[in-house]
Amino acid sequence: MPHVAARTASRDRDTGRYQSHRPEQTLLYQIVDEYYPAFAALMAEQGKELPGYVQREFEEFLQCGRLEHGFLRVRCESCHAEHLVAFSCKRRGFCPSCGARRMAESAAL
């Protein structure tokens, strides 16, 4: 049953058609993409390092929803339209998309 909530959340509310997630267009993604690498490099220059779980959170967030990092090809059973659905990071602590999906799935139960 959780899959129904996830499919419903990714549909365009007006047309009922699938609308792909475009994380690179969000302000949070743009900020992390622009500043995280330089911040991590600056920390390394100072002989410091972010904890591994923090590094993984940022790195997986930057790959979340991006087709170039993996996807599934799915087909609608009723209209037979095919869509590419990018893998998600499944990180609910930092990623707004995955956090919202998790909340929707929990609410459906």
N, C-alpha and C. Protein backbone atom coordinates (compact mmCIF):
# COMPACT_ATOMS: atom_id res chain seq x y z
N MET A 1 0.79 -1.21 0.00
CA MET A 1 0.00 0.00 0.00
C MET A 1 0.83 1.27 0.00
N PRO A 2 2.04 1.34 0.60
CA PRO A 2 2.83 2.57 0.58
C PRO A 2 3.15 3.03 -0.84
N HIS A 3 3.24 2.11 -1.79
CA HIS A 3 3.57 2.51 -3.15
C HIS A 3 2.49 3.40 -3.76
N VAL A 4 1.24 3.21 -3.37
CA VAL A 4 0.15 4.04 -3.87
C VAL A 4 0.36 5.48 -3.45
N ALA A 5 0.74 5.70 -2.19
CA ALA A 5 0.98 7.05 -1.71
C ALA A 5 2.12 7.70 -2.47
N ALA A 6 3.17 6.95 -2.75
CA ALA A 6 4.31 7.51 -3.48
C ALA A 6 3.92 7.86 -4.90
N ARG A 7 3.13 7.01 -5.56
CA ARG A 7 2.72 7.30 -6.93
C ARG A 7 1.80 8.50 -6.97
N THR A 8 0.89 8.60 -6.02
CA THR A 8 -0.03 9.72 -5.99
C THR A 8 0.72 11.03 -5.77
N ALA A 9 1.73 11.00 -4.91
CA ALA A 9 2.49 12.21 -4.60
C ALA A 9 3.26 12.73 -5.80
N SER A 10 3.61 11.86 -6.75
CA SER A 10 4.41 12.30 -7.88
C SER A 10 3.56 12.62 -9.12
N ARG A 11 2.25 12.66 -8.96
CA ARG A 11 1.38 12.97 -10.08
C ARG A 11 1.04 14.45 -10.08
N ASP A 12 0.84 14.99 -11.27
CA ASP A 12 0.38 16.36 -11.42
C ASP A 12 -1.07 16.39 -10.93
N ARG A 13 -1.40 17.27 -10.02
CA ARG A 13 -2.73 17.29 -9.42
C ARG A 13 -3.83 17.62 -10.43
N ASP A 14 -3.55 18.44 -11.43
CA ASP A 14 -4.58 18.85 -12.38
C ASP A 14 -4.86 17.77 -13.42
N THR A 15 -3.84 17.12 -13.94
CA THR A 15 -4.03 16.18 -15.04
C THR A 15 -3.97 14.73 -14.60
N GLY A 16 -3.43 14.44 -13.43
CA GLY A 16 -3.27 13.07 -12.99
C GLY A 16 -2.10 12.38 -13.66
N ARG A 17 -1.30 13.12 -14.41
CA ARG A 17 -0.16 12.55 -15.12
C ARG A 17 1.09 12.63 -14.26
N TYR A 18 2.01 11.71 -14.51
CA TYR A 18 3.27 11.69 -13.78
C TYR A 18 4.07 12.94 -14.07
N GLN A 19 4.63 13.53 -13.05
CA GLN A 19 5.49 14.70 -13.20
C GLN A 19 6.80 14.39 -12.49
N SER A 20 7.90 14.40 -13.24
CA SER A 20 9.17 14.01 -12.64
C SER A 20 9.67 15.07 -11.67
N HIS A 21 10.38 14.61 -10.68
CA HIS A 21 10.98 15.45 -9.65
C HIS A 21 12.23 16.10 -10.26
N ARG A 22 12.41 17.39 -10.09
CA ARG A 22 13.57 18.09 -10.64
C ARG A 22 14.32 18.78 -9.49
N PRO A 23 15.11 18.00 -8.75
CA PRO A 23 15.77 18.56 -7.56
C PRO A 23 16.73 19.69 -7.89
N GLU A 24 17.38 19.63 -9.04
CA GLU A 24 18.36 20.65 -9.39
C GLU A 24 17.74 22.03 -9.57
N GLN A 25 16.42 22.11 -9.63
CA GLN A 25 15.75 23.40 -9.76
C GLN A 25 15.36 24.00 -8.42
N THR A 26 15.59 23.28 -7.33
CA THR A 26 15.24 23.81 -6.02
C THR A 26 16.38 24.66 -5.46
N LEU A 27 16.04 25.63 -4.66
CA LEU A 27 17.04 26.51 -4.07
C LEU A 27 17.98 25.73 -3.15
N LEU A 28 17.44 24.82 -2.34
CA LEU A 28 18.29 24.04 -1.44
C LEU A 28 19.33 23.24 -2.22
N TYR A 29 18.91 22.58 -3.28
CA TYR A 29 19.84 21.80 -4.10
C TYR A 29 20.93 22.70 -4.67
N GLN A 30 20.55 23.84 -5.21
CA GLN A 30 21.51 24.76 -5.81
C GLN A 30 22.53 25.26 -4.79
N ILE A 31 22.08 25.55 -3.58
CA ILE A 31 22.99 26.02 -2.53
C ILE A 31 23.97 24.92 -2.13
N VAL A 32 23.45 23.72 -1.89
CA VAL A 32 24.32 22.60 -1.49
C VAL A 32 25.29 22.27 -2.61
N ASP A 33 24.80 22.23 -3.84
CA ASP A 33 25.65 21.91 -4.99
C ASP A 33 26.77 22.93 -5.17
N GLU A 34 26.46 24.19 -4.92
CA GLU A 34 27.46 25.24 -5.12
C GLU A 34 28.47 25.32 -3.97
N TYR A 35 28.00 25.18 -2.74
CA TYR A 35 28.87 25.47 -1.60
C TYR A 35 29.43 24.25 -0.86
N TYR A 36 28.78 23.10 -0.94
CA TYR A 36 29.27 21.94 -0.19
C TYR A 36 30.67 21.50 -0.60
N PRO A 37 30.98 21.37 -1.90
CA PRO A 37 32.34 20.92 -2.26
C PRO A 37 33.44 21.86 -1.74
N ALA A 38 33.21 23.16 -1.85
CA ALA A 38 34.20 24.13 -1.36
C ALA A 38 34.32 24.06 0.16
N PHE A 39 33.19 23.89 0.84
CA PHE A 39 33.21 23.78 2.29
C PHE A 39 33.98 22.54 2.74
N ALA A 40 33.73 21.41 2.08
CA ALA A 40 34.44 20.17 2.42
C ALA A 40 35.93 20.32 2.15
N ALA A 41 36.29 20.99 1.05
CA ALA A 41 37.71 21.21 0.73
C ALA A 41 38.37 22.12 1.76
N LEU A 42 37.67 23.16 2.18
CA LEU A 42 38.20 24.06 3.20
C LEU A 42 38.43 23.33 4.52
N MET A 43 37.49 22.48 4.88
CA MET A 43 37.65 21.68 6.10
C MET A 43 38.90 20.79 5.98
N ALA A 44 39.08 20.17 4.82
CA ALA A 44 40.24 19.28 4.61
C ALA A 44 41.55 20.07 4.69
N GLU A 45 41.57 21.29 4.14
CA GLU A 45 42.77 22.13 4.21
C GLU A 45 43.14 22.44 5.65
N GLN A 46 42.14 22.55 6.50
CA GLN A 46 42.37 22.86 7.91
C GLN A 46 42.62 21.60 8.74
N GLY A 47 42.71 20.46 8.06
CA GLY A 47 42.96 19.21 8.76
C GLY A 47 41.76 18.67 9.50
N LYS A 48 40.59 19.14 9.10
CA LYS A 48 39.35 18.69 9.74
C LYS A 48 38.52 17.94 8.70
N GLU A 49 37.57 17.19 9.21
CA GLU A 49 36.71 16.43 8.31
C GLU A 49 35.31 16.37 8.87
N LEU A 50 34.33 16.49 7.99
CA LEU A 50 32.95 16.32 8.43
C LEU A 50 32.74 14.85 8.79
N PRO A 51 31.89 14.57 9.75
CA PRO A 51 31.60 13.16 10.06
C PRO A 51 31.07 12.44 8.82
N GLY A 52 31.35 11.16 8.73
CA GLY A 52 30.94 10.37 7.57
C GLY A 52 29.46 10.44 7.28
N TYR A 53 28.63 10.43 8.33
CA TYR A 53 27.19 10.47 8.10
C TYR A 53 26.75 11.80 7.50
N VAL A 54 27.45 12.89 7.82
CA VAL A 54 27.13 14.19 7.24
C VAL A 54 27.55 14.22 5.77
N GLN A 55 28.74 13.71 5.47
CA GLN A 55 29.20 13.64 4.08
C GLN A 55 28.23 12.82 3.24
N ARG A 56 27.82 11.65 3.75
CA ARG A 56 26.88 10.79 3.00
C ARG A 56 25.56 11.49 2.77
N GLU A 57 25.09 12.23 3.77
CA GLU A 57 23.81 12.95 3.65
C GLU A 57 23.87 13.94 2.49
N PHE A 58 24.92 14.75 2.44
CA PHE A 58 25.06 15.73 1.36
C PHE A 58 25.27 15.06 0.01
N GLU A 59 26.14 14.07 -0.06
CA GLU A 59 26.46 13.43 -1.33
C GLU A 59 25.26 12.67 -1.89
N GLU A 60 24.52 11.99 -1.04
CA GLU A 60 23.33 11.27 -1.53
C GLU A 60 22.21 12.24 -1.87
N PHE A 61 22.10 13.35 -1.15
CA PHE A 61 21.12 14.37 -1.48
C PHE A 61 21.37 14.91 -2.89
N LEU A 62 22.64 15.14 -3.22
CA LEU A 62 22.98 15.67 -4.55
C LEU A 62 22.72 14.67 -5.67
N GLN A 63 22.59 13.40 -5.36
CA GLN A 63 22.28 12.38 -6.37
C GLN A 63 20.79 12.05 -6.42
N CYS A 64 20.05 12.45 -5.42
CA CYS A 64 18.64 12.10 -5.30
C CYS A 64 17.81 12.68 -6.45
N GLY A 65 17.06 11.80 -7.09
CA GLY A 65 16.15 12.25 -8.14
C GLY A 65 16.81 12.60 -9.46
N ARG A 66 18.09 12.30 -9.61
CA ARG A 66 18.82 12.63 -10.83
C ARG A 66 18.95 11.37 -11.68
N LEU A 67 18.45 11.41 -12.90
CA LEU A 67 18.46 10.24 -13.79
C LEU A 67 19.86 9.70 -14.02
N GLU A 68 20.86 10.57 -14.06
CA GLU A 68 22.22 10.11 -14.34
C GLU A 68 22.81 9.26 -13.22
N HIS A 69 22.12 9.20 -12.08
CA HIS A 69 22.59 8.38 -10.96
C HIS A 69 21.77 7.10 -10.79
N GLY A 70 20.94 6.81 -11.77
CA GLY A 70 20.17 5.57 -11.76
C GLY A 70 18.67 5.82 -11.83
N PHE A 71 17.98 4.92 -12.50
CA PHE A 71 16.54 5.08 -12.67
C PHE A 71 15.88 3.75 -13.01
N LEU A 72 14.57 3.76 -12.94
CA LEU A 72 13.74 2.64 -13.38
C LEU A 72 12.87 3.13 -14.52
N ARG A 73 12.59 2.25 -15.46
CA ARG A 73 11.63 2.56 -16.52
C ARG A 73 10.32 1.91 -16.09
N VAL A 74 9.27 2.72 -15.97
CA VAL A 74 7.97 2.19 -15.55
C VAL A 74 6.93 2.48 -16.62
N ARG A 75 5.90 1.64 -16.66
CA ARG A 75 4.85 1.81 -17.65
C ARG A 75 3.50 1.84 -16.95
N CYS A 76 2.68 2.79 -17.32
CA CYS A 76 1.33 2.90 -16.78
C CYS A 76 0.49 1.76 -17.35
N GLU A 77 -0.19 1.04 -16.48
CA GLU A 77 -1.01 -0.09 -16.93
C GLU A 77 -2.23 0.35 -17.71
N SER A 78 -2.76 1.54 -17.42
CA SER A 78 -3.98 1.97 -18.11
C SER A 78 -3.71 2.66 -19.44
N CYS A 79 -2.74 3.57 -19.50
CA CYS A 79 -2.49 4.30 -20.76
C CYS A 79 -1.24 3.82 -21.49
N HIS A 80 -0.46 2.96 -20.88
CA HIS A 80 0.77 2.38 -21.45
C HIS A 80 1.88 3.40 -21.70
N ALA A 81 1.77 4.58 -21.09
CA ALA A 81 2.85 5.57 -21.20
C ALA A 81 4.04 5.09 -20.37
N GLU A 82 5.24 5.31 -20.88
CA GLU A 82 6.46 4.93 -20.16
C GLU A 82 7.12 6.17 -19.58
N HIS A 83 7.68 6.00 -18.39
CA HIS A 83 8.37 7.09 -17.71
C HIS A 83 9.66 6.56 -17.10
N LEU A 84 10.65 7.43 -17.00
CA LEU A 84 11.87 7.11 -16.28
C LEU A 84 11.72 7.73 -14.89
N VAL A 85 11.91 6.92 -13.87
CA VAL A 85 11.79 7.39 -12.49
C VAL A 85 13.15 7.24 -11.83
N ALA A 86 13.74 8.37 -11.46
CA ALA A 86 15.08 8.38 -10.87
C ALA A 86 15.05 7.79 -9.46
N PHE A 87 16.15 7.16 -9.07
CA PHE A 87 16.29 6.64 -7.71
C PHE A 87 16.33 7.81 -6.73
N SER A 88 15.85 7.57 -5.53
CA SER A 88 15.89 8.61 -4.50
C SER A 88 16.91 8.22 -3.43
N CYS A 89 17.30 9.20 -2.63
CA CYS A 89 18.31 8.95 -1.60
C CYS A 89 17.71 8.27 -0.37
N LYS A 90 16.40 8.41 -0.19
CA LYS A 90 15.69 7.84 0.96
C LYS A 90 16.19 8.40 2.30
N ARG A 91 16.79 9.57 2.25
CA ARG A 91 17.26 10.24 3.46
C ARG A 91 16.17 11.19 3.93
N ARG A 92 15.56 10.90 5.03
CA ARG A 92 14.46 11.74 5.47
C ARG A 92 14.90 12.86 6.40
N GLY A 93 16.17 12.88 6.81
CA GLY A 93 16.63 13.92 7.72
C GLY A 93 16.91 15.24 7.04
N PHE A 94 17.41 15.20 5.81
CA PHE A 94 17.82 16.43 5.14
C PHE A 94 17.06 16.66 3.83
N CYS A 95 16.78 15.63 3.10
CA CYS A 95 16.16 15.74 1.78
C CYS A 95 14.66 16.03 1.91
N PRO A 96 14.20 17.20 1.47
CA PRO A 96 12.78 17.53 1.62
C PRO A 96 11.87 16.58 0.85
N SER A 97 12.28 16.16 -0.33
CA SER A 97 11.46 15.26 -1.15
C SER A 97 11.28 13.91 -0.47
N CYS A 98 12.37 13.32 -0.02
CA CYS A 98 12.29 12.00 0.63
C CYS A 98 11.62 12.09 1.99
N GLY A 99 11.83 13.19 2.69
CA GLY A 99 11.15 13.39 3.97
C GLY A 99 9.65 13.50 3.79
N ALA A 100 9.21 14.22 2.76
CA ALA A 100 7.78 14.36 2.48
C ALA A 100 7.18 13.04 2.03
N ARG A 101 7.93 12.28 1.23
CA ARG A 101 7.44 10.97 0.78
C ARG A 101 7.25 10.05 1.98
N ARG A 102 8.21 10.04 2.87
CA ARG A 102 8.13 9.19 4.07
C ARG A 102 6.93 9.59 4.92
N MET A 103 6.70 10.90 5.05
CA MET A 103 5.58 11.38 5.84
C MET A 103 4.25 10.96 5.19
N ALA A 104 4.16 11.05 3.86
CA ALA A 104 2.94 10.65 3.15
C ALA A 104 2.70 9.15 3.30
N GLU A 105 3.76 8.36 3.21
CA GLU A 105 3.61 6.91 3.36
C GLU A 105 3.17 6.55 4.78
N SER A 106 3.72 7.24 5.77
CA SER A 106 3.34 6.97 7.16
C SER A 106 1.89 7.37 7.42
N ALA A 107 1.46 8.48 6.82
CA ALA A 107 0.09 8.95 7.01
C ALA A 107 -0.90 8.00 6.36
N ALA A 108 -0.50 7.34 5.27
CA ALA A 108 -1.38 6.41 4.57
C ALA A 108 -1.64 5.15 5.38
N LEU A 109 -0.75 4.85 6.31
CA LEU A 109 -0.92 3.65 7.13
C LEU A 109 -1.92 3.95 8.19
